[in-house]
Amino acid sequence: MKPMTPDELEAALRDIGARRYHRLHPFHALLHGGKCTKGQVQAWALNRYYYQAMIPVKDASLIARCDDSSLRREWRSRLVDHDGETEGDGGIARWLKLTDGVGLDRDYVVSLAGLLPATRFAVEAYVHFVRDKTLLEAVASSLTELFSPQIIGERVEGMLKSYDFVSAVMLAYFSKPPPLAHRHPPLARQPQALEPMRLRSSTPLQVLQGHPSDFALLAPLLQPPWKLPLQLQ
């Protein structure tokens, strides 16, 4: 395979995102279009909590493997983004405000008692991918964030318009720009994720095709008869 130039690699990455980013999954069309029941919205919020909670775990494992102090400093901000500086701060706390708002008991959410096995498998596969693959592959797995602003806009607008039980306060998690986007416009996290890819422009594209949680996290919610945890029925 002929190595790509940095610009060619970036263009190829953006093409992958345009064709394969999970905003194209049918579930998102249902969620954003007001086609889900409250129980299905609860199931989405409940299951995605585990993904949110494990993001700092996977990022900590990447930091632990990195011998580049400048990259460690950049990546360290991700832990603060999700864990916060103090109790009740950060992305995980904001996600729990969403689960509170849709009527889920917080202790039940945090206990993971209602977590679907497929969700656990997908999220843990992502954590293991970042822990076990090469550092370049681990960094590349965060490139999906380049495409998140569009789905966030669609989600906030669609859910506020479609569900009378959803408020802007509940969606505070999505009101914050993708991490570091405000510091590194227009490419969210370019110094952290995209730039290493550009510098290693011979990187095989299959490394960057998306991590295992992209679709497996959503698939269980699409299977009729929508088997929900008892608390959500």
C-alpha atoms as a PDB file:
ATOM      1  CA  MET A   1       0.000   0.000   0.000  1.00  0.00           C
ATOM      2  CA  LYS A   2       1.399   3.388  -1.018  1.00  0.00           C
ATOM      3  CA  PRO A   3       1.737   5.712   1.998  1.00  0.00           C
ATOM      4  CA  MET A   4      -0.703   8.607   1.978  1.00  0.00           C
ATOM      5  CA  THR A   5       0.297  12.205   2.437  1.00  0.00           C
ATOM      6  CA  PRO A   6      -1.025  13.803   5.654  1.00  0.00           C
ATOM      7  CA  ASP A   7      -3.726  15.641   3.694  1.00  0.00           C
ATOM      8  CA  GLU A   8      -4.781  12.470   1.887  1.00  0.00           C
ATOM      9  CA  LEU A   9      -5.030  10.613   5.183  1.00  0.00           C
ATOM     10  CA  GLU A  10      -7.140  13.332   6.752  1.00  0.00           C
ATOM     11  CA  ALA A  11      -9.452  13.338   3.721  1.00  0.00           C
ATOM     12  CA  ALA A  12      -9.797   9.557   3.937  1.00  0.00           C
ATOM     13  CA  LEU A  13     -10.603   9.756   7.641  1.00  0.00           C
ATOM     14  CA  ARG A  14     -13.276  12.356   7.047  1.00  0.00           C
ATOM     15  CA  ASP A  15     -14.761  10.186   4.306  1.00  0.00           C
ATOM     16  CA  ILE A  16     -14.985   7.253   6.727  1.00  0.00           C
ATOM     17  CA  GLY A  17     -16.721   9.473   9.239  1.00  0.00           C
ATOM     18  CA  ALA A  18     -19.203  10.738   6.676  1.00  0.00           C
ATOM     19  CA  ARG A  19     -20.136   7.177   5.691  1.00  0.00           C
ATOM     20  CA  ARG A  20     -19.825   5.242   8.953  1.00  0.00           C
ATOM     21  CA  TYR A  21     -20.217   7.503  11.963  1.00  0.00           C
ATOM     22  CA  HIS A  22     -22.945   6.203  14.229  1.00  0.00           C
ATOM     23  CA  ARG A  23     -25.201   9.219  13.688  1.00  0.00           C
ATOM     24  CA  LEU A  24     -26.328   7.251  10.607  1.00  0.00           C
ATOM     25  CA  HIS A  25     -27.591   4.340  12.718  1.00  0.00           C
ATOM     26  CA  PRO A  26     -31.393   3.904  12.500  1.00  0.00           C
ATOM     27  CA  PHE A  27     -31.707   4.184  16.267  1.00  0.00           C
ATOM     28  CA  HIS A  28     -30.547   7.775  16.212  1.00  0.00           C
ATOM     29  CA  ALA A  29     -33.175   8.661  13.631  1.00  0.00           C
ATOM     30  CA  LEU A  30     -35.791   7.176  15.960  1.00  0.00           C
ATOM     31  CA  LEU A  31     -34.411   8.909  19.052  1.00  0.00           C
ATOM     32  CA  HIS A  32     -33.981  12.323  17.492  1.00  0.00           C
ATOM     33  CA  GLY A  33     -37.256  12.109  15.605  1.00  0.00           C
ATOM     34  CA  GLY A  34     -39.422  11.483  18.653  1.00  0.00           C
ATOM     35  CA  LYS A  35     -40.208   7.897  17.690  1.00  0.00           C
ATOM     36  CA  CYS A  36     -39.002   6.290  20.924  1.00  0.00           C
ATOM     37  CA  THR A  37     -41.177   5.660  23.949  1.00  0.00           C
ATOM     38  CA  LYS A  38     -40.087   7.049  27.297  1.00  0.00           C
ATOM     39  CA  GLY A  39     -39.009   3.550  28.312  1.00  0.00           C
ATOM     40  CA  GLN A  40     -36.771   3.326  25.251  1.00  0.00           C
ATOM     41  CA  VAL A  41     -35.214   6.727  26.009  1.00  0.00           C
ATOM     42  CA  GLN A  42     -34.624   5.509  29.559  1.00  0.00           C
ATOM     43  CA  ALA A  43     -32.994   2.337  28.235  1.00  0.00           C
ATOM     44  CA  TRP A  44     -30.675   4.406  26.034  1.00  0.00           C
ATOM     45  CA  ALA A  45     -29.694   6.706  28.907  1.00  0.00           C
ATOM     46  CA  LEU A  46     -29.232   3.790  31.292  1.00  0.00           C
ATOM     47  CA  ASN A  47     -27.014   1.785  28.941  1.00  0.00           C
ATOM     48  CA  ARG A  48     -24.960   4.707  27.733  1.00  0.00           C
ATOM     49  CA  TYR A  49     -24.104   5.577  31.336  1.00  0.00           C
ATOM     50  CA  TYR A  50     -21.689   2.646  31.365  1.00  0.00           C
ATOM     51  CA  TYR A  51     -19.951   3.985  28.269  1.00  0.00           C
ATOM     52  CA  GLN A  52     -19.617   7.424  29.866  1.00  0.00           C
ATOM     53  CA  ALA A  53     -18.331   5.938  33.131  1.00  0.00           C
ATOM     54  CA  MET A  54     -15.640   3.883  31.380  1.00  0.00           C
ATOM     55  CA  ILE A  55     -14.222   6.670  29.198  1.00  0.00           C
ATOM     56  CA  PRO A  56     -11.810   7.893  31.904  1.00  0.00           C
ATOM     57  CA  VAL A  57     -10.803   4.292  32.579  1.00  0.00           C
ATOM     58  CA  LYS A  58      -9.760   3.740  28.966  1.00  0.00           C
ATOM     59  CA  ASP A  59      -8.031   7.139  28.820  1.00  0.00           C
ATOM     60  CA  ALA A  60      -6.116   6.412  32.024  1.00  0.00           C
ATOM     61  CA  SER A  61      -4.874   3.164  30.497  1.00  0.00           C
ATOM     62  CA  LEU A  62      -3.633   5.079  27.448  1.00  0.00           C
ATOM     63  CA  ILE A  63      -1.835   7.640  29.608  1.00  0.00           C
ATOM     64  CA  ALA A  64      -0.174   4.858  31.590  1.00  0.00           C
ATOM     65  CA  ARG A  65       1.364   3.457  28.397  1.00  0.00           C
ATOM     66  CA  CYS A  66       2.544   6.777  26.974  1.00  0.00           C
ATOM     67  CA  ASP A  67       6.170   7.839  27.394  1.00  0.00           C
ATOM     68  CA  ASP A  68       5.613  11.221  25.705  1.00  0.00           C
ATOM     69  CA  SER A  69       5.043  13.792  28.467  1.00  0.00           C
ATOM     70  CA  SER A  70       3.468  16.347  26.119  1.00  0.00           C
ATOM     71  CA  LEU A  71       0.869  13.814  24.944  1.00  0.00           C
ATOM     72  CA  ARG A  72       0.227  12.754  28.544  1.00  0.00           C
ATOM     73  CA  ARG A  73      -0.455  16.379  29.478  1.00  0.00           C
ATOM     74  CA  GLU A  74      -2.868  16.770  26.575  1.00  0.00           C
ATOM     75  CA  TRP A  75      -4.647  13.494  27.271  1.00  0.00           C
ATOM     76  CA  ARG A  76      -4.868  14.112  31.027  1.00  0.00           C
ATOM     77  CA  SER A  77      -7.548  16.730  30.428  1.00  0.00           C
ATOM     78  CA  ARG A  78      -9.863  13.930  29.284  1.00  0.00           C
ATOM     79  CA  LEU A  79      -9.931  12.521  32.798  1.00  0.00           C
ATOM     80  CA  VAL A  80     -11.021  15.904  34.144  1.00  0.00           C
ATOM     81  CA  ASP A  81     -13.589  16.227  31.356  1.00  0.00           C
ATOM     82  CA  HIS A  82     -15.404  13.124  32.597  1.00  0.00           C
ATOM     83  CA  ASP A  83     -14.463  12.705  36.273  1.00  0.00           C
ATOM     84  CA  GLY A  84     -14.483  16.423  37.050  1.00  0.00           C
ATOM     85  CA  GLU A  85     -12.279  18.283  39.495  1.00  0.00           C
ATOM     86  CA  THR A  86     -14.686  17.762  42.392  1.00  0.00           C
ATOM     87  CA  GLU A  87     -17.617  15.528  43.293  1.00  0.00           C
ATOM     88  CA  GLY A  88     -20.647  16.374  41.142  1.00  0.00           C
ATOM     89  CA  ASP A  89     -18.544  17.901  38.366  1.00  0.00           C
ATOM     90  CA  GLY A  90     -17.648  16.513  34.939  1.00  0.00           C
ATOM     91  CA  GLY A  91     -19.303  14.573  32.157  1.00  0.00           C
ATOM     92  CA  ILE A  92     -20.323  11.530  34.212  1.00  0.00           C
ATOM     93  CA  ALA A  93     -22.129  13.750  36.720  1.00  0.00           C
ATOM     94  CA  ARG A  94     -23.900  15.576  33.877  1.00  0.00           C
ATOM     95  CA  TRP A  95     -24.987  12.251  32.390  1.00  0.00           C
ATOM     96  CA  LEU A  96     -26.496  11.249  35.729  1.00  0.00           C
ATOM     97  CA  LYS A  97     -28.559  14.440  35.625  1.00  0.00           C
ATOM     98  CA  LEU A  98     -30.032  13.091  32.401  1.00  0.00           C
ATOM     99  CA  THR A  99     -30.824   9.699  33.900  1.00  0.00           C
ATOM    100  CA  ASP A 100     -32.341  11.462  36.930  1.00  0.00           C
ATOM    101  CA  GLY A 101     -34.447  13.603  34.623  1.00  0.00           C
ATOM    102  CA  VAL A 102     -35.921  10.701  32.675  1.00  0.00           C
ATOM    103  CA  GLY A 103     -37.047   9.125  35.935  1.00  0.00           C
ATOM    104  CA  LEU A 104     -34.361   6.564  36.697  1.00  0.00           C
ATOM    105  CA  ASP A 105     -33.153   5.944  40.223  1.00  0.00           C
ATOM    106  CA  ARG A 106     -29.517   7.034  40.406  1.00  0.00           C
ATOM    107  CA  ASP A 107     -28.426   4.148  42.603  1.00  0.00           C
ATOM    108  CA  TYR A 108     -29.998   1.743  40.110  1.00  0.00           C
ATOM    109  CA  VAL A 109     -28.146   3.359  37.196  1.00  0.00           C
ATOM    110  CA  VAL A 110     -24.769   3.365  38.955  1.00  0.00           C
ATOM    111  CA  SER A 111     -25.217  -0.229  40.139  1.00  0.00           C
ATOM    112  CA  LEU A 112     -25.359  -1.384  36.472  1.00  0.00           C
ATOM    113  CA  ALA A 113     -28.094  -3.819  37.488  1.00  0.00           C
ATOM    114  CA  GLY A 114     -30.077  -2.983  34.365  1.00  0.00           C
ATOM    115  CA  LEU A 115     -27.136  -2.939  31.952  1.00  0.00           C
ATOM    116  CA  LEU A 116     -27.615  -5.073  28.854  1.00  0.00           C
ATOM    117  CA  PRO A 117     -24.926  -7.761  28.353  1.00  0.00           C
ATOM    118  CA  ALA A 118     -24.282  -6.562  24.806  1.00  0.00           C
ATOM    119  CA  THR A 119     -23.610  -3.041  26.075  1.00  0.00           C
ATOM    120  CA  ARG A 120     -21.152  -4.338  28.676  1.00  0.00           C
ATOM    121  CA  PHE A 121     -19.414  -6.396  25.988  1.00  0.00           C
ATOM    122  CA  ALA A 122     -19.131  -3.465  23.557  1.00  0.00           C
ATOM    123  CA  VAL A 123     -17.866  -0.964  26.100  1.00  0.00           C
ATOM    124  CA  GLU A 124     -15.353  -3.357  27.595  1.00  0.00           C
ATOM    125  CA  ALA A 125     -14.156  -4.259  24.101  1.00  0.00           C
ATOM    126  CA  TYR A 126     -13.367  -0.572  23.583  1.00  0.00           C
ATOM    127  CA  VAL A 127     -11.485  -0.358  26.882  1.00  0.00           C
ATOM    128  CA  HIS A 128      -9.512  -3.504  26.020  1.00  0.00           C
ATOM    129  CA  PHE A 129      -8.784  -2.167  22.528  1.00  0.00           C
ATOM    130  CA  VAL A 130      -7.209   0.997  23.932  1.00  0.00           C
ATOM    131  CA  ARG A 131      -5.325  -0.982  26.580  1.00  0.00           C
ATOM    132  CA  ASP A 132      -4.008  -3.777  24.351  1.00  0.00           C
ATOM    133  CA  LYS A 133      -3.496  -2.348  20.857  1.00  0.00           C
ATOM    134  CA  THR A 134      -0.613  -0.134  19.777  1.00  0.00           C
ATOM    135  CA  LEU A 135      -0.530   3.385  21.153  1.00  0.00           C
ATOM    136  CA  LEU A 136      -1.204   4.738  17.669  1.00  0.00           C
ATOM    137  CA  GLU A 137      -4.343   2.610  17.382  1.00  0.00           C
ATOM    138  CA  ALA A 138      -5.424   3.644  20.871  1.00  0.00           C
ATOM    139  CA  VAL A 139      -5.108   7.324  19.977  1.00  0.00           C
ATOM    140  CA  ALA A 140      -6.859   6.758  16.662  1.00  0.00           C
ATOM    141  CA  SER A 141      -9.916   5.327  18.400  1.00  0.00           C
ATOM    142  CA  SER A 142     -10.766   8.844  19.600  1.00  0.00           C
ATOM    143  CA  LEU A 143     -10.952  10.258  16.093  1.00  0.00           C
ATOM    144  CA  THR A 144     -14.715   9.711  16.074  1.00  0.00           C
ATOM    145  CA  GLU A 145     -14.933  12.887  18.146  1.00  0.00           C
ATOM    146  CA  LEU A 146     -14.152  14.857  15.007  1.00  0.00           C
ATOM    147  CA  PHE A 147     -17.690  14.092  13.860  1.00  0.00           C
ATOM    148  CA  SER A 148     -19.582  14.538  17.136  1.00  0.00           C
ATOM    149  CA  PRO A 149     -20.714  18.182  16.815  1.00  0.00           C
ATOM    150  CA  GLN A 150     -23.283  17.295  14.144  1.00  0.00           C
ATOM    151  CA  ILE A 151     -24.894  14.455  16.062  1.00  0.00           C
ATOM    152  CA  ILE A 152     -24.928  16.531  19.255  1.00  0.00           C
ATOM    153  CA  GLY A 153     -26.779  19.310  17.475  1.00  0.00           C
ATOM    154  CA  GLU A 154     -29.278  16.867  16.004  1.00  0.00           C
ATOM    155  CA  ARG A 155     -29.775  15.167  19.362  1.00  0.00           C
ATOM    156  CA  VAL A 156     -30.382  18.290  21.419  1.00  0.00           C
ATOM    157  CA  GLU A 157     -32.708  19.886  18.876  1.00  0.00           C
ATOM    158  CA  GLY A 158     -34.620  16.677  18.183  1.00  0.00           C
ATOM    159  CA  MET A 159     -35.069  15.568  21.780  1.00  0.00           C
ATOM    160  CA  LEU A 160     -36.166  18.993  23.026  1.00  0.00           C
ATOM    161  CA  LYS A 161     -38.666  19.225  20.200  1.00  0.00           C
ATOM    162  CA  SER A 162     -39.976  15.673  20.439  1.00  0.00           C
ATOM    163  CA  TYR A 163     -40.198  14.714  24.128  1.00  0.00           C
ATOM    164  CA  ASP A 164     -42.124  16.681  26.730  1.00  0.00           C
ATOM    165  CA  PHE A 165     -40.231  14.881  29.496  1.00  0.00           C
ATOM    166  CA  VAL A 166     -36.824  16.175  28.300  1.00  0.00           C
ATOM    167  CA  SER A 167     -35.479  19.622  29.216  1.00  0.00           C
ATOM    168  CA  ALA A 168     -32.389  21.632  28.314  1.00  0.00           C
ATOM    169  CA  VAL A 169     -31.103  21.173  31.871  1.00  0.00           C
ATOM    170  CA  MET A 170     -31.253  17.399  31.448  1.00  0.00           C
ATOM    171  CA  LEU A 171     -29.227  17.664  28.237  1.00  0.00           C
ATOM    172  CA  ALA A 172     -26.437  19.700  29.863  1.00  0.00           C
ATOM    173  CA  TYR A 173     -23.976  16.939  28.982  1.00  0.00           C
ATOM    174  CA  PHE A 174     -24.352  17.871  25.325  1.00  0.00           C
ATOM    175  CA  SER A 175     -24.173  21.626  25.857  1.00  0.00           C
ATOM    176  CA  LYS A 176     -20.446  21.464  26.533  1.00  0.00           C
ATOM    177  CA  PRO A 177     -18.312  21.418  23.349  1.00  0.00           C
ATOM    178  CA  PRO A 178     -16.505  18.174  22.548  1.00  0.00           C
ATOM    179  CA  PRO A 179     -13.450  18.098  24.826  1.00  0.00           C
ATOM    180  CA  LEU A 180     -10.816  20.626  23.835  1.00  0.00           C
ATOM    181  CA  ALA A 181     -12.802  21.753  20.777  1.00  0.00           C
ATOM    182  CA  HIS A 182     -12.789  25.267  22.180  1.00  0.00           C
ATOM    183  CA  ARG A 183      -9.012  25.094  22.601  1.00  0.00           C
ATOM    184  CA  HIS A 184      -8.174  23.556  19.233  1.00  0.00           C
ATOM    185  CA  PRO A 185     -10.665  24.726  16.596  1.00  0.00           C
ATOM    186  CA  PRO A 186     -11.789  23.687  14.088  1.00  0.00           C
ATOM    187  CA  LEU A 187     -10.641  20.095  14.597  1.00  0.00           C
ATOM    188  CA  ALA A 188     -11.612  18.847  18.024  1.00  0.00           C
ATOM    189  CA  ARG A 189      -8.487  17.377  19.629  1.00  0.00           C
ATOM    190  CA  GLN A 190      -6.356  17.656  16.526  1.00  0.00           C
ATOM    191  CA  PRO A 191      -3.142  17.776  18.597  1.00  0.00           C
ATOM    192  CA  GLN A 192      -4.267  14.740  20.588  1.00  0.00           C
ATOM    193  CA  ALA A 193      -5.677  12.442  17.970  1.00  0.00           C
ATOM    194  CA  LEU A 194      -5.572  13.700  14.399  1.00  0.00           C
ATOM    195  CA  GLU A 195      -2.049  15.093  14.319  1.00  0.00           C
ATOM    196  CA  PRO A 196      -0.345  11.792  15.304  1.00  0.00           C
ATOM    197  CA  MET A 197      -2.241  10.172  12.441  1.00  0.00           C
ATOM    198  CA  ARG A 198      -1.071  12.839  10.012  1.00  0.00           C
ATOM    199  CA  LEU A 199       2.520  12.370  11.145  1.00  0.00           C
ATOM    200  CA  ARG A 200       2.201   8.620  10.594  1.00  0.00           C
ATOM    201  CA  SER A 201       0.501   8.894   7.232  1.00  0.00           C
ATOM    202  CA  SER A 202       1.293   5.278   6.339  1.00  0.00           C
ATOM    203  CA  THR A 203      -1.175   4.126   8.995  1.00  0.00           C
ATOM    204  CA  PRO A 204      -3.465   1.433   7.531  1.00  0.00           C
ATOM    205  CA  LEU A 205      -7.000   2.776   7.268  1.00  0.00           C
ATOM    206  CA  GLN A 206      -8.521  -0.332   8.801  1.00  0.00           C
ATOM    207  CA  VAL A 207      -7.042   0.785  12.127  1.00  0.00           C
ATOM    208  CA  LEU A 208      -9.257   3.857  11.958  1.00  0.00           C
ATOM    209  CA  GLN A 209     -12.576   2.337  10.932  1.00  0.00           C
ATOM    210  CA  GLY A 210     -14.226   2.961  14.307  1.00  0.00           C
ATOM    211  CA  HIS A 211     -14.190   1.205  17.661  1.00  0.00           C
ATOM    212  CA  PRO A 212     -16.374  -1.784  18.615  1.00  0.00           C
ATOM    213  CA  SER A 213     -18.865   0.207  20.668  1.00  0.00           C
ATOM    214  CA  ASP A 214     -20.085   2.339  17.757  1.00  0.00           C
ATOM    215  CA  PHE A 215     -22.884   0.019  16.694  1.00  0.00           C
ATOM    216  CA  ALA A 216     -22.960  -2.802  19.242  1.00  0.00           C
ATOM    217  CA  LEU A 217     -23.953  -0.300  21.918  1.00  0.00           C
ATOM    218  CA  LEU A 218     -27.099   0.544  19.971  1.00  0.00           C
ATOM    219  CA  ALA A 219     -28.045  -2.789  18.469  1.00  0.00           C
ATOM    220  CA  PRO A 220     -29.845  -4.234  21.523  1.00  0.00           C
ATOM    221  CA  LEU A 221     -32.195  -1.255  21.622  1.00  0.00           C
ATOM    222  CA  LEU A 222     -33.364  -1.943  18.074  1.00  0.00           C
ATOM    223  CA  GLN A 223     -34.493  -5.510  18.576  1.00  0.00           C
ATOM    224  CA  PRO A 224     -38.229  -6.028  19.052  1.00  0.00           C
ATOM    225  CA  PRO A 225     -40.045  -6.563  21.315  1.00  0.00           C
ATOM    226  CA  TRP A 226     -37.875  -3.929  23.049  1.00  0.00           C
ATOM    227  CA  LYS A 227     -37.107  -6.053  26.089  1.00  0.00           C
ATOM    228  CA  LEU A 228     -36.393  -3.511  28.795  1.00  0.00           C
ATOM    229  CA  PRO A 229     -35.219  -3.949  32.386  1.00  0.00           C
ATOM    230  CA  LEU A 230     -38.237  -4.358  34.678  1.00  0.00           C
ATOM    231  CA  GLN A 231     -37.824  -0.882  36.131  1.00  0.00           C
ATOM    232  CA  LEU A 232     -38.274   0.653  32.667  1.00  0.00           C
ATOM    233  CA  GLN A 233     -41.440  -1.209  31.648  1.00  0.00           C
END
